Amino acid sequence: MEDYSMETIVSKIIDLVWQVKEGKIDKNDLNRDSSLIIDAGLDSLQLINFILLVEDEYNIEIDFDSFDYKLLEKIESFCEFIKIQIKKD
């Protein structure tokens, strides 16, 4: 069974950000309170790539039209959203 604890999801999300940023960000600079846009510095193209990686990683689908972009203000908020999406499937 997969480990979908908050700590595991936060860690994986930070890993995916690092992957999208091609290692140009220090993982230690990010935590559950970090913003995916401001602190991680994801631009629009990187954000799309990041969302696609998240969808693949967790086998979920994120609807860009209904997605609340305020969830990107904190990694923890985004991870809570991911947990809800996982439970839907």
Protein backbone atom coordinates (compact mmCIF):
# COMPACT_ATOMS: atom_id res chain seq x y z
CA MET A 1 0.00 0.00 0.00
CA GLU A 2 1.25 3.47 -0.90
CA ASP A 3 2.30 5.87 1.84
CA TYR A 4 0.17 8.99 1.44
CA SER A 5 1.12 10.65 4.71
CA MET A 6 1.45 14.41 4.59
CA GLU A 7 5.22 14.22 5.17
CA THR A 8 5.65 11.77 2.30
CA ILE A 9 3.58 13.88 -0.08
CA VAL A 10 5.38 17.10 0.93
CA SER A 11 8.73 15.43 0.36
CA LYS A 12 7.66 14.08 -3.05
CA ILE A 13 6.23 17.45 -4.12
CA ILE A 14 9.54 19.13 -3.23
CA ASP A 15 11.37 16.44 -5.24
CA LEU A 16 9.10 17.11 -8.23
CA VAL A 17 9.70 20.88 -7.96
CA TRP A 18 13.45 20.21 -7.90
CA GLN A 19 13.08 17.99 -10.98
CA VAL A 20 11.09 20.63 -12.89
CA LYS A 21 13.61 23.31 -11.88
CA GLU A 22 16.34 20.97 -13.22
CA GLY A 23 18.21 21.04 -9.91
CA LYS A 24 18.51 24.84 -9.94
CA ILE A 25 16.88 25.15 -6.54
CA ASP A 26 18.04 23.89 -3.16
CA LYS A 27 15.49 21.41 -1.79
CA ASN A 28 16.42 22.55 1.72
CA ASP A 29 15.05 26.01 0.90
CA LEU A 30 11.55 24.56 0.48
CA ASN A 31 9.18 23.32 3.18
CA ARG A 32 5.47 22.85 3.74
CA ASP A 33 4.98 26.63 4.12
CA SER A 34 6.82 27.53 0.89
CA SER A 35 4.97 28.97 -2.11
CA LEU A 36 5.26 26.98 -5.31
CA ILE A 37 5.28 30.22 -7.31
CA ILE A 38 7.25 32.69 -5.17
CA ASP A 39 9.64 30.48 -3.18
CA ALA A 40 10.09 27.69 -5.72
CA GLY A 41 10.00 30.13 -8.61
CA LEU A 42 7.90 28.03 -10.97
CA ASP A 43 7.06 29.93 -14.14
CA SER A 44 3.96 29.13 -16.21
CA LEU A 45 5.60 26.43 -18.34
CA GLN A 46 7.29 24.84 -15.32
CA LEU A 47 3.96 24.90 -13.48
CA ILE A 48 2.29 22.94 -16.28
CA ASN A 49 5.15 20.42 -16.29
CA PHE A 50 4.96 20.18 -12.49
CA ILE A 51 1.19 19.52 -12.56
CA LEU A 52 1.67 16.83 -15.22
CA LEU A 53 4.33 15.14 -13.07
CA VAL A 54 2.03 15.27 -10.04
CA GLU A 55 -0.78 13.72 -12.08
CA ASP A 56 1.52 10.90 -13.20
CA GLU A 57 2.99 10.36 -9.74
CA TYR A 58 -0.37 10.07 -7.99
CA ASN A 59 -2.47 8.77 -10.89
CA ILE A 60 -4.89 11.67 -10.60
CA GLU A 61 -6.27 14.27 -12.97
CA ILE A 62 -6.18 17.97 -12.14
CA ASP A 63 -8.68 20.10 -14.06
CA PHE A 64 -6.90 23.36 -14.92
CA ASP A 65 -10.25 25.11 -15.47
CA SER A 66 -11.57 24.45 -11.96
CA PHE A 67 -8.22 24.35 -10.11
CA ASP A 68 -7.90 26.93 -7.32
CA TYR A 69 -4.49 28.49 -7.90
CA LYS A 70 -4.46 29.77 -4.30
CA LEU A 71 -3.48 26.20 -3.41
CA LEU A 72 -0.05 27.01 -4.84
CA GLU A 73 0.57 29.61 -2.13
CA LYS A 74 1.71 26.87 0.27
CA ILE A 75 3.11 23.44 -0.49
CA GLU A 76 1.06 22.08 2.41
CA SER A 77 -2.21 23.39 0.90
CA PHE A 78 -1.35 21.81 -2.43
CA CYS A 79 -0.51 18.51 -0.70
CA GLU A 80 -3.86 18.52 1.12
CA PHE A 81 -5.52 18.97 -2.26
CA ILE A 82 -3.51 16.00 -3.59
CA LYS A 83 -4.65 13.82 -0.67
CA ILE A 84 -8.28 14.65 -1.46
CA GLN A 85 -7.77 13.82 -5.15
CA ILE A 86 -6.16 10.48 -4.26
CA LYS A 87 -9.13 9.55 -2.08
CA LYS A 88 -11.55 10.33 -4.92
CA ASP A 89 -10.02 7.60 -7.09
